[in-house]
Amino acid sequence: MRRVALVLAWLATLLYPLAIWLGLARFEPRWLGGVLLAVALLRAFASREPVWWLAALGAAVLVIATFVLNDGLPLKLYPVLVNAALHGLFAFSLWKPPTVIERLARLRHPDLPPAGVRWVTGVTRVWCGFFVLNGGIALWTALRASDAAWALYNGAIAYVLIGALLAGEWLLRPRHDR
């Protein structure tokens, strides 16, 4: 059941920008707040990380702002909130190891050598930088770009960049393991 909820949470997160873009063209923003709250709560329930409950609380604040102001901007700030939450999670794990990436690496390699720990710590730092940069671009698109450009970046381009970062790390890992 938890796995199904996790898949639904990721799917809802992936489709969120498209849903908001299409919704803002057809409905008053205040009525789209439920979409954001549903995505945030689904993600919080599906995850074991407390950071997603904080993100859900932040989403609730955005929903209230959307309802009161009847403005789409708070809905478009959710990707900024997600990047901030992920940055917080990854940065906190640098301060209080093991890092997020180390925990994932140890699922496949329980006896991760010190060189491997250094590598995954560096990878965690790279992800922190990515979340800051991606969150900044998400903020810029929310504040300055059209709804279509916001949806394109946050619903497609950002995911391509995530995939490129994952692929780059995967390609560099064997070189590091030598």
N, C-alpha and C. Protein backbone atom coordinates (compact mmCIF):
# COMPACT_ATOMS: atom_id res chain seq x y z
N MET A 1 0.83 -1.20 0.00
CA MET A 1 0.00 0.00 0.00
C MET A 1 0.87 1.26 0.00
N ARG A 2 1.92 1.24 0.82
CA ARG A 2 2.81 2.40 0.89
C ARG A 2 3.48 2.65 -0.46
N ARG A 3 3.87 1.58 -1.13
CA ARG A 3 4.52 1.71 -2.44
C ARG A 3 3.57 2.36 -3.46
N VAL A 4 2.31 1.97 -3.44
CA VAL A 4 1.32 2.57 -4.34
C VAL A 4 1.18 4.06 -4.03
N ALA A 5 1.11 4.39 -2.74
CA ALA A 5 1.00 5.80 -2.35
C ALA A 5 2.22 6.58 -2.80
N LEU A 6 3.39 5.97 -2.70
CA LEU A 6 4.63 6.64 -3.12
C LEU A 6 4.63 6.90 -4.63
N VAL A 7 4.20 5.91 -5.40
CA VAL A 7 4.12 6.07 -6.86
C VAL A 7 3.11 7.17 -7.21
N LEU A 8 1.96 7.15 -6.55
CA LEU A 8 0.95 8.18 -6.79
C LEU A 8 1.47 9.57 -6.41
N ALA A 9 2.22 9.64 -5.32
CA ALA A 9 2.77 10.92 -4.88
C ALA A 9 3.75 11.47 -5.91
N TRP A 10 4.62 10.60 -6.43
CA TRP A 10 5.58 11.05 -7.45
C TRP A 10 4.85 11.44 -8.74
N LEU A 11 3.86 10.68 -9.13
CA LEU A 11 3.10 10.99 -10.33
C LEU A 11 2.37 12.33 -10.18
N ALA A 12 1.74 12.52 -9.02
CA ALA A 12 1.04 13.79 -8.76
C ALA A 12 2.02 14.96 -8.77
N THR A 13 3.20 14.76 -8.20
CA THR A 13 4.21 15.81 -8.19
C THR A 13 4.67 16.14 -9.61
N LEU A 14 4.89 15.10 -10.41
CA LEU A 14 5.33 15.31 -11.79
C LEU A 14 4.28 16.06 -12.61
N LEU A 15 3.02 15.75 -12.38
CA LEU A 15 1.93 16.34 -13.17
C LEU A 15 1.42 17.66 -12.60
N TYR A 16 1.87 18.03 -11.41
CA TYR A 16 1.37 19.24 -10.76
C TYR A 16 1.50 20.49 -11.64
N PRO A 17 2.67 20.78 -12.22
CA PRO A 17 2.75 22.00 -13.05
C PRO A 17 1.75 22.00 -14.22
N LEU A 18 1.58 20.86 -14.86
CA LEU A 18 0.62 20.77 -15.96
C LEU A 18 -0.80 21.03 -15.45
N ALA A 19 -1.15 20.42 -14.32
CA ALA A 19 -2.49 20.60 -13.76
C ALA A 19 -2.75 22.07 -13.40
N ILE A 20 -1.76 22.73 -12.82
CA ILE A 20 -1.94 24.13 -12.45
C ILE A 20 -2.02 25.01 -13.70
N TRP A 21 -1.15 24.76 -14.66
CA TRP A 21 -1.18 25.55 -15.90
C TRP A 21 -2.54 25.43 -16.59
N LEU A 22 -3.03 24.19 -16.75
CA LEU A 22 -4.33 24.00 -17.38
C LEU A 22 -5.45 24.57 -16.51
N GLY A 23 -5.34 24.37 -15.20
CA GLY A 23 -6.36 24.86 -14.29
C GLY A 23 -6.47 26.37 -14.25
N LEU A 24 -5.33 27.06 -14.24
CA LEU A 24 -5.36 28.53 -14.19
C LEU A 24 -6.01 29.13 -15.43
N ALA A 25 -5.98 28.41 -16.54
CA ALA A 25 -6.61 28.89 -17.77
C ALA A 25 -8.13 28.71 -17.73
N ARG A 26 -8.63 27.91 -16.79
CA ARG A 26 -10.06 27.57 -16.79
C ARG A 26 -10.81 27.93 -15.51
N PHE A 27 -10.08 28.05 -14.40
CA PHE A 27 -10.74 28.25 -13.11
C PHE A 27 -10.10 29.41 -12.35
N GLU A 28 -10.85 29.92 -11.38
CA GLU A 28 -10.26 30.90 -10.46
C GLU A 28 -9.19 30.18 -9.65
N PRO A 29 -8.08 30.85 -9.37
CA PRO A 29 -7.00 30.20 -8.62
C PRO A 29 -7.44 29.62 -7.28
N ARG A 30 -8.36 30.29 -6.59
CA ARG A 30 -8.74 29.81 -5.25
C ARG A 30 -9.29 28.38 -5.28
N TRP A 31 -9.87 27.98 -6.42
CA TRP A 31 -10.45 26.64 -6.48
C TRP A 31 -9.42 25.58 -6.85
N LEU A 32 -8.21 26.01 -7.18
CA LEU A 32 -7.14 25.05 -7.50
C LEU A 32 -6.29 24.70 -6.28
N GLY A 33 -6.51 25.40 -5.20
CA GLY A 33 -5.73 25.14 -3.99
C GLY A 33 -5.83 23.71 -3.51
N GLY A 34 -6.97 23.09 -3.73
CA GLY A 34 -7.15 21.69 -3.33
C GLY A 34 -6.18 20.75 -4.03
N VAL A 35 -5.82 21.08 -5.28
CA VAL A 35 -4.85 20.26 -6.02
C VAL A 35 -3.51 20.29 -5.30
N LEU A 36 -3.07 21.49 -4.92
CA LEU A 36 -1.80 21.62 -4.21
C LEU A 36 -1.84 20.89 -2.88
N LEU A 37 -2.89 21.08 -2.12
CA LEU A 37 -2.98 20.43 -0.81
C LEU A 37 -3.00 18.92 -0.96
N ALA A 38 -3.72 18.40 -1.95
CA ALA A 38 -3.77 16.95 -2.17
C ALA A 38 -2.39 16.40 -2.51
N VAL A 39 -1.66 17.09 -3.40
CA VAL A 39 -0.32 16.64 -3.78
C VAL A 39 0.60 16.64 -2.56
N ALA A 40 0.58 17.73 -1.80
CA ALA A 40 1.47 17.84 -0.64
C ALA A 40 1.15 16.81 0.43
N LEU A 41 -0.14 16.59 0.70
CA LEU A 41 -0.51 15.61 1.72
C LEU A 41 -0.21 14.19 1.26
N LEU A 42 -0.47 13.89 0.00
CA LEU A 42 -0.15 12.57 -0.54
C LEU A 42 1.34 12.29 -0.40
N ARG A 43 2.14 13.28 -0.74
CA ARG A 43 3.60 13.12 -0.63
C ARG A 43 4.01 12.92 0.83
N ALA A 44 3.42 13.68 1.74
CA ALA A 44 3.77 13.56 3.16
C ALA A 44 3.38 12.19 3.71
N PHE A 45 2.19 11.72 3.38
CA PHE A 45 1.75 10.41 3.85
C PHE A 45 2.60 9.28 3.25
N ALA A 46 3.02 9.44 2.01
CA ALA A 46 3.76 8.37 1.32
C ALA A 46 5.22 8.29 1.76
N SER A 47 5.75 9.38 2.26
CA SER A 47 7.17 9.42 2.61
C SER A 47 7.39 9.12 4.09
N ARG A 48 8.59 8.68 4.39
CA ARG A 48 8.96 8.48 5.79
C ARG A 48 9.77 9.65 6.32
N GLU A 49 10.02 10.62 5.47
CA GLU A 49 10.84 11.77 5.86
C GLU A 49 9.95 12.87 6.44
N PRO A 50 10.25 13.32 7.66
CA PRO A 50 9.45 14.38 8.29
C PRO A 50 9.45 15.70 7.50
N VAL A 51 10.47 15.90 6.66
CA VAL A 51 10.55 17.14 5.90
C VAL A 51 9.30 17.33 5.03
N TRP A 52 8.69 16.23 4.59
CA TRP A 52 7.51 16.36 3.73
C TRP A 52 6.28 16.83 4.50
N TRP A 53 6.25 16.61 5.82
CA TRP A 53 5.17 17.18 6.63
C TRP A 53 5.36 18.69 6.74
N LEU A 54 6.62 19.13 6.83
CA LEU A 54 6.89 20.57 6.83
C LEU A 54 6.50 21.18 5.48
N ALA A 55 6.81 20.46 4.41
CA ALA A 55 6.42 20.94 3.07
C ALA A 55 4.89 21.01 2.96
N ALA A 56 4.19 20.03 3.53
CA ALA A 56 2.72 20.05 3.50
C ALA A 56 2.18 21.24 4.28
N LEU A 57 2.83 21.56 5.39
CA LEU A 57 2.44 22.75 6.15
C LEU A 57 2.67 24.01 5.32
N GLY A 58 3.81 24.07 4.66
CA GLY A 58 4.08 25.20 3.76
C GLY A 58 3.06 25.27 2.63
N ALA A 59 2.70 24.11 2.09
CA ALA A 59 1.69 24.06 1.03
C ALA A 59 0.34 24.57 1.54
N ALA A 60 0.01 24.23 2.78
CA ALA A 60 -1.25 24.71 3.37
C ALA A 60 -1.25 26.24 3.45
N VAL A 61 -0.11 26.82 3.80
CA VAL A 61 0.00 28.28 3.83
C VAL A 61 -0.20 28.85 2.43
N LEU A 62 0.41 28.20 1.42
CA LEU A 62 0.23 28.65 0.03
C LEU A 62 -1.23 28.53 -0.40
N VAL A 63 -1.89 27.47 0.03
CA VAL A 63 -3.31 27.27 -0.32
C VAL A 63 -4.17 28.37 0.31
N ILE A 64 -3.90 28.68 1.57
CA ILE A 64 -4.65 29.76 2.23
C ILE A 64 -4.42 31.08 1.51
N ALA A 65 -3.17 31.36 1.16
CA ALA A 65 -2.86 32.60 0.43
C ALA A 65 -3.58 32.62 -0.92
N THR A 66 -3.60 31.48 -1.60
CA THR A 66 -4.28 31.40 -2.89
C THR A 66 -5.77 31.68 -2.72
N PHE A 67 -6.37 31.09 -1.69
CA PHE A 67 -7.80 31.27 -1.48
C PHE A 67 -8.13 32.72 -1.13
N VAL A 68 -7.36 33.30 -0.22
CA VAL A 68 -7.63 34.67 0.22
C VAL A 68 -7.39 35.68 -0.91
N LEU A 69 -6.27 35.52 -1.60
CA LEU A 69 -5.89 36.48 -2.65
C LEU A 69 -6.52 36.18 -4.00
N ASN A 70 -6.99 34.94 -4.18
CA ASN A 70 -7.49 34.47 -5.47
C ASN A 70 -6.47 34.77 -6.57
N ASP A 71 -5.23 34.43 -6.27
CA ASP A 71 -4.10 34.68 -7.17
C ASP A 71 -3.36 33.36 -7.39
N GLY A 72 -2.89 33.13 -8.61
CA GLY A 72 -2.20 31.89 -8.93
C GLY A 72 -0.76 31.83 -8.46
N LEU A 73 -0.16 32.96 -8.06
CA LEU A 73 1.24 32.95 -7.67
C LEU A 73 1.55 31.96 -6.55
N PRO A 74 0.78 31.92 -5.47
CA PRO A 74 1.13 30.94 -4.43
C PRO A 74 1.14 29.50 -4.94
N LEU A 75 0.26 29.18 -5.88
CA LEU A 75 0.25 27.83 -6.45
C LEU A 75 1.53 27.55 -7.22
N LYS A 76 2.06 28.58 -7.87
CA LYS A 76 3.27 28.42 -8.66
C LYS A 76 4.53 28.41 -7.79
N LEU A 77 4.39 28.73 -6.52
CA LEU A 77 5.54 28.71 -5.61
C LEU A 77 5.81 27.32 -5.03
N TYR A 78 4.92 26.35 -5.27
CA TYR A 78 5.13 25.01 -4.70
C TYR A 78 6.44 24.38 -5.15
N PRO A 79 6.84 24.45 -6.43
CA PRO A 79 8.16 23.89 -6.79
C PRO A 79 9.32 24.55 -6.02
N VAL A 80 9.18 25.83 -5.71
CA VAL A 80 10.20 26.51 -4.90
C VAL A 80 10.24 25.86 -3.52
N LEU A 81 9.06 25.63 -2.96
CA LEU A 81 8.96 25.00 -1.64
C LEU A 81 9.56 23.59 -1.66
N VAL A 82 9.29 22.82 -2.69
CA VAL A 82 9.84 21.46 -2.79
C VAL A 82 11.37 21.51 -2.87
N ASN A 83 11.91 22.41 -3.69
CA ASN A 83 13.36 22.53 -3.78
C ASN A 83 13.96 22.97 -2.44
N ALA A 84 13.29 23.87 -1.75
CA ALA A 84 13.78 24.30 -0.43
C ALA A 84 13.75 23.14 0.56
N ALA A 85 12.68 22.34 0.52
CA ALA A 85 12.59 21.19 1.43
C ALA A 85 13.68 20.17 1.13
N LEU A 86 13.90 19.88 -0.15
CA LEU A 86 14.95 18.93 -0.52
C LEU A 86 16.33 19.46 -0.17
N HIS A 87 16.55 20.75 -0.42
CA HIS A 87 17.83 21.34 -0.04
C HIS A 87 18.03 21.22 1.47
N GLY A 88 16.99 21.53 2.23
CA GLY A 88 17.08 21.42 3.68
C GLY A 88 17.40 20.01 4.13
N LEU A 89 16.74 19.03 3.53
CA LEU A 89 16.97 17.63 3.88
C LEU A 89 18.41 17.22 3.57
N PHE A 90 18.88 17.54 2.37
CA PHE A 90 20.23 17.15 1.97
C PHE A 90 21.28 17.91 2.77
N ALA A 91 21.07 19.22 2.97
CA ALA A 91 22.04 20.02 3.72
C ALA A 91 22.10 19.57 5.18
N PHE A 92 20.96 19.28 5.78
CA PHE A 92 20.95 18.79 7.16
C PHE A 92 21.72 17.48 7.27
N SER A 93 21.60 16.64 6.24
CA SER A 93 22.31 15.35 6.29
C SER A 93 23.82 15.55 6.15
N LEU A 94 24.26 16.65 5.57
CA LEU A 94 25.70 16.97 5.56
C LEU A 94 26.17 17.35 6.95
N TRP A 95 25.31 18.02 7.68
CA TRP A 95 25.62 18.46 9.03
C TRP A 95 25.52 17.31 10.03
N LYS A 96 24.54 16.44 9.83
CA LYS A 96 24.31 15.28 10.70
C LYS A 96 24.33 14.02 9.85
N PRO A 97 25.53 13.50 9.54
CA PRO A 97 25.64 12.29 8.70
C PRO A 97 24.95 11.10 9.36
N PRO A 98 24.66 10.07 8.57
CA PRO A 98 25.03 9.88 7.18
C PRO A 98 24.17 10.75 6.25
N THR A 99 24.77 11.12 5.13
CA THR A 99 24.04 11.94 4.16
C THR A 99 22.93 11.12 3.51
N VAL A 100 22.01 11.83 2.89
CA VAL A 100 20.92 11.17 2.18
C VAL A 100 21.48 10.20 1.14
N ILE A 101 22.47 10.65 0.38
CA ILE A 101 23.05 9.80 -0.67
C ILE A 101 23.78 8.61 -0.06
N GLU A 102 24.43 8.80 1.08
CA GLU A 102 25.11 7.67 1.73
C GLU A 102 24.10 6.62 2.17
N ARG A 103 22.99 7.07 2.73
CA ARG A 103 21.95 6.10 3.14
C ARG A 103 21.46 5.29 1.94
N LEU A 104 21.28 5.95 0.81
CA LEU A 104 20.86 5.24 -0.40
C LEU A 104 21.96 4.29 -0.88
N ALA A 105 23.20 4.75 -0.86
CA ALA A 105 24.32 3.91 -1.32
C ALA A 105 24.48 2.67 -0.44
N ARG A 106 24.25 2.82 0.85
CA ARG A 106 24.43 1.69 1.76
C ARG A 106 23.34 0.63 1.60
N LEU A 107 22.26 0.96 0.92
CA LEU A 107 21.25 -0.07 0.62
C LEU A 107 21.84 -1.13 -0.29
N ARG A 108 22.72 -0.72 -1.21
CA ARG A 108 23.37 -1.67 -2.13
C ARG A 108 24.75 -2.08 -1.66
N HIS A 109 25.41 -1.21 -0.92
CA HIS A 109 26.78 -1.46 -0.47
C HIS A 109 26.88 -1.16 1.03
N PRO A 110 26.44 -2.10 1.87
CA PRO A 110 26.43 -1.84 3.32
C PRO A 110 27.81 -1.49 3.89
N ASP A 111 28.87 -2.03 3.29
CA ASP A 111 30.23 -1.78 3.77
C ASP A 111 30.91 -0.72 2.91
N LEU A 112 30.32 0.42 2.79
CA LEU A 112 30.85 1.50 1.97
C LEU A 112 32.19 1.96 2.55
N PRO A 113 33.26 1.92 1.74
CA PRO A 113 34.58 2.32 2.25
C PRO A 113 34.65 3.84 2.45
N PRO A 114 35.65 4.32 3.20
CA PRO A 114 35.79 5.76 3.43
C PRO A 114 35.83 6.58 2.14
N ALA A 115 36.48 6.05 1.09
CA ALA A 115 36.52 6.77 -0.19
C ALA A 115 35.10 6.90 -0.76
N GLY A 116 34.30 5.87 -0.59
CA GLY A 116 32.91 5.93 -1.05
C GLY A 116 32.10 6.95 -0.27
N VAL A 117 32.36 7.02 1.03
CA VAL A 117 31.66 8.01 1.86
C VAL A 117 32.04 9.43 1.41
N ARG A 118 33.31 9.65 1.10
CA ARG A 118 33.73 10.97 0.61
C ARG A 118 33.03 11.29 -0.72
N TRP A 119 32.95 10.30 -1.59
CA TRP A 119 32.29 10.49 -2.89
C TRP A 119 30.82 10.88 -2.71
N VAL A 120 30.09 10.12 -1.90
CA VAL A 120 28.66 10.41 -1.74
C VAL A 120 28.43 11.72 -1.00
N THR A 121 29.38 12.11 -0.15
CA THR A 121 29.28 13.42 0.51
C THR A 121 29.41 14.53 -0.54
N GLY A 122 30.34 14.35 -1.47
CA GLY A 122 30.48 15.32 -2.56
C GLY A 122 29.25 15.36 -3.44
N VAL A 123 28.69 14.20 -3.72
CA VAL A 123 27.47 14.13 -4.53
C VAL A 123 26.32 14.84 -3.80
N THR A 124 26.25 14.68 -2.50
CA THR A 124 25.22 15.36 -1.72
C THR A 124 25.39 16.88 -1.82
N ARG A 125 26.62 17.36 -1.78
CA ARG A 125 26.88 18.80 -1.95
C ARG A 125 26.43 19.28 -3.33
N VAL A 126 26.69 18.47 -4.35
CA VAL A 126 26.26 18.84 -5.70
C VAL A 126 24.74 18.95 -5.74
N TRP A 127 24.04 18.00 -5.13
CA TRP A 127 22.58 18.06 -5.11
C TRP A 127 22.10 19.30 -4.36
N CYS A 128 22.77 19.65 -3.27
CA CYS A 128 22.39 20.87 -2.55
C CYS A 128 22.49 22.08 -3.47
N GLY A 129 23.59 22.18 -4.21
CA GLY A 129 23.74 23.27 -5.17
C GLY A 129 22.66 23.24 -6.23
N PHE A 130 22.34 22.05 -6.71
CA PHE A 130 21.29 21.92 -7.72
C PHE A 130 19.96 22.43 -7.17
N PHE A 131 19.61 22.04 -5.95
CA PHE A 131 18.32 22.46 -5.39
C PHE A 131 18.26 23.98 -5.21
N VAL A 132 19.37 24.60 -4.86
CA VAL A 132 19.40 26.06 -4.75
C VAL A 132 19.19 26.69 -6.13
N LEU A 133 19.93 26.22 -7.11
CA LEU A 133 19.82 26.75 -8.47
C LEU A 133 18.43 26.49 -9.05
N ASN A 134 17.96 25.27 -8.95
CA ASN A 134 16.66 24.91 -9.50
C ASN A 134 15.54 25.67 -8.79
N GLY A 135 15.64 25.80 -7.47
CA GLY A 135 14.65 26.56 -6.73
C GLY A 135 14.65 28.03 -7.12
N GLY A 136 15.85 28.58 -7.39
CA GLY A 136 15.94 29.96 -7.84
C GLY A 136 15.29 30.17 -9.20
N ILE A 137 15.52 29.23 -10.10
CA ILE A 137 14.88 29.32 -11.43
C ILE A 137 13.37 29.14 -11.29
N ALA A 138 12.95 28.21 -10.44
CA ALA A 138 11.51 28.01 -10.21
C ALA A 138 10.88 29.29 -9.66
N LEU A 139 11.60 29.96 -8.75
CA LEU A 139 11.09 31.23 -8.21
C LEU A 139 11.00 32.29 -9.30
N TRP A 140 12.05 32.39 -10.11
CA TRP A 140 12.03 33.36 -11.21
C TRP A 140 10.85 33.09 -12.15
N THR A 141 10.65 31.82 -12.52
CA THR A 141 9.54 31.52 -13.44
C THR A 141 8.19 31.84 -12.80
N ALA A 142 8.07 31.62 -11.50
CA ALA A 142 6.81 31.92 -10.82
C ALA A 142 6.54 33.42 -10.80
N LEU A 143 7.60 34.21 -10.60
CA LEU A 143 7.43 35.66 -10.46
C LEU A 143 7.42 36.41 -11.79
N ARG A 144 8.18 35.94 -12.77
CA ARG A 144 8.41 36.73 -13.98
C ARG A 144 7.95 36.10 -15.29
N ALA A 145 7.85 34.80 -15.35
CA ALA A 145 7.55 34.13 -16.62
C ALA A 145 6.04 33.93 -16.78
N SER A 146 5.64 33.63 -17.99
CA SER A 146 4.22 33.31 -18.25
C SER A 146 3.87 31.99 -17.57
N ASP A 147 2.59 31.73 -17.43
CA ASP A 147 2.16 30.45 -16.85
C ASP A 147 2.66 29.28 -17.69
N ALA A 148 2.65 29.44 -19.01
CA ALA A 148 3.12 28.36 -19.89
C ALA A 148 4.62 28.11 -19.69
N ALA A 149 5.41 29.19 -19.59
CA ALA A 149 6.86 29.03 -19.37
C ALA A 149 7.13 28.42 -18.00
N TRP A 150 6.36 28.83 -16.99
CA TRP A 150 6.49 28.25 -15.65
C TRP A 150 6.23 26.75 -15.72
N ALA A 151 5.14 26.36 -16.38
CA ALA A 151 4.80 24.93 -16.48
C ALA A 151 5.85 24.16 -17.27
N LEU A 152 6.37 24.75 -18.33
CA LEU A 152 7.39 24.09 -19.13
C LEU A 152 8.65 23.84 -18.31
N TYR A 153 9.11 24.88 -17.60
CA TYR A 153 10.34 24.69 -16.81
C TYR A 153 10.10 23.69 -15.67
N ASN A 154 9.07 23.95 -14.87
CA ASN A 154 8.86 23.16 -13.65
C ASN A 154 8.26 21.79 -13.92
N GLY A 155 7.64 21.61 -15.10
CA GLY A 155 7.02 20.34 -15.42
C GLY A 155 7.78 19.51 -16.43
N ALA A 156 8.87 20.06 -16.99
CA ALA A 156 9.63 19.29 -17.98
C ALA A 156 11.13 19.56 -17.86
N ILE A 157 11.53 20.80 -18.06
CA ILE A 157 12.97 21.11 -18.10
C ILE A 157 13.65 20.74 -16.79
N ALA A 158 13.03 21.05 -15.66
CA ALA A 158 13.64 20.71 -14.37
C ALA A 158 13.85 19.20 -14.24
N TYR A 159 12.90 18.42 -14.75
CA TYR A 159 13.04 16.96 -14.68
C TYR A 159 14.14 16.45 -15.59
N VAL A 160 14.31 17.09 -16.74
CA VAL A 160 15.43 16.74 -17.63
C VAL A 160 16.75 17.04 -16.94
N LEU A 161 16.83 18.18 -16.26
CA LEU A 161 18.05 18.53 -15.53
C LEU A 161 18.34 17.54 -14.41
N ILE A 162 17.30 17.12 -13.71
CA ILE A 162 17.47 16.10 -12.66
C ILE A 162 18.00 14.81 -13.28
N GLY A 163 17.41 14.41 -14.39
CA GLY A 163 17.88 13.21 -15.09
C GLY A 163 19.32 13.34 -15.54
N ALA A 164 19.70 14.52 -16.03
CA ALA A 164 21.08 14.74 -16.47
C ALA A 164 22.05 14.66 -15.30
N LEU A 165 21.65 15.20 -14.16
CA LEU A 165 22.51 15.12 -12.97
C LEU A 165 22.65 13.68 -12.50
N LEU A 166 21.55 12.94 -12.49
CA LEU A 166 21.61 11.52 -12.12
C LEU A 166 22.49 10.74 -13.09
N ALA A 167 22.31 10.99 -14.37
CA ALA A 167 23.11 10.28 -15.39
C ALA A 167 24.58 10.64 -15.28
N GLY A 168 24.86 11.91 -15.05
CA GLY A 168 26.25 12.34 -14.90
C GLY A 168 26.93 11.67 -13.72
N GLU A 169 26.23 11.60 -12.60
CA GLU A 169 26.80 10.92 -11.43
C GLU A 169 27.01 9.44 -11.72
N TRP A 170 26.05 8.83 -12.38
CA TRP A 170 26.15 7.40 -12.70
C TRP A 170 27.33 7.14 -13.63
N LEU A 171 27.56 8.05 -14.59
CA LEU A 171 28.68 7.89 -15.52
C LEU A 171 30.03 8.15 -14.84
N LEU A 172 30.08 9.07 -13.90
CA LEU A 172 31.33 9.38 -13.21
C LEU A 172 31.68 8.39 -12.10
N ARG A 173 30.68 7.73 -11.56
CA ARG A 173 30.90 6.82 -10.43
C ARG A 173 31.94 5.74 -10.73
N PRO A 174 31.89 5.04 -11.89
CA PRO A 174 32.91 4.01 -12.14
C PRO A 174 34.32 4.59 -12.19
N ARG A 175 34.46 5.79 -12.70
CA ARG A 175 35.78 6.43 -12.75
C ARG A 175 36.29 6.68 -11.33
N HIS A 176 35.38 7.04 -10.45
CA HIS A 176 35.75 7.29 -9.06
C HIS A 176 36.07 5.98 -8.33
N ASP A 177 35.37 4.91 -8.68
CA ASP A 177 35.53 3.62 -7.98
C ASP A 177 36.86 2.94 -8.27
N ARG A 178 37.59 3.41 -9.26
CA ARG A 178 38.87 2.77 -9.60
C ARG A 178 39.89 2.92 -8.52
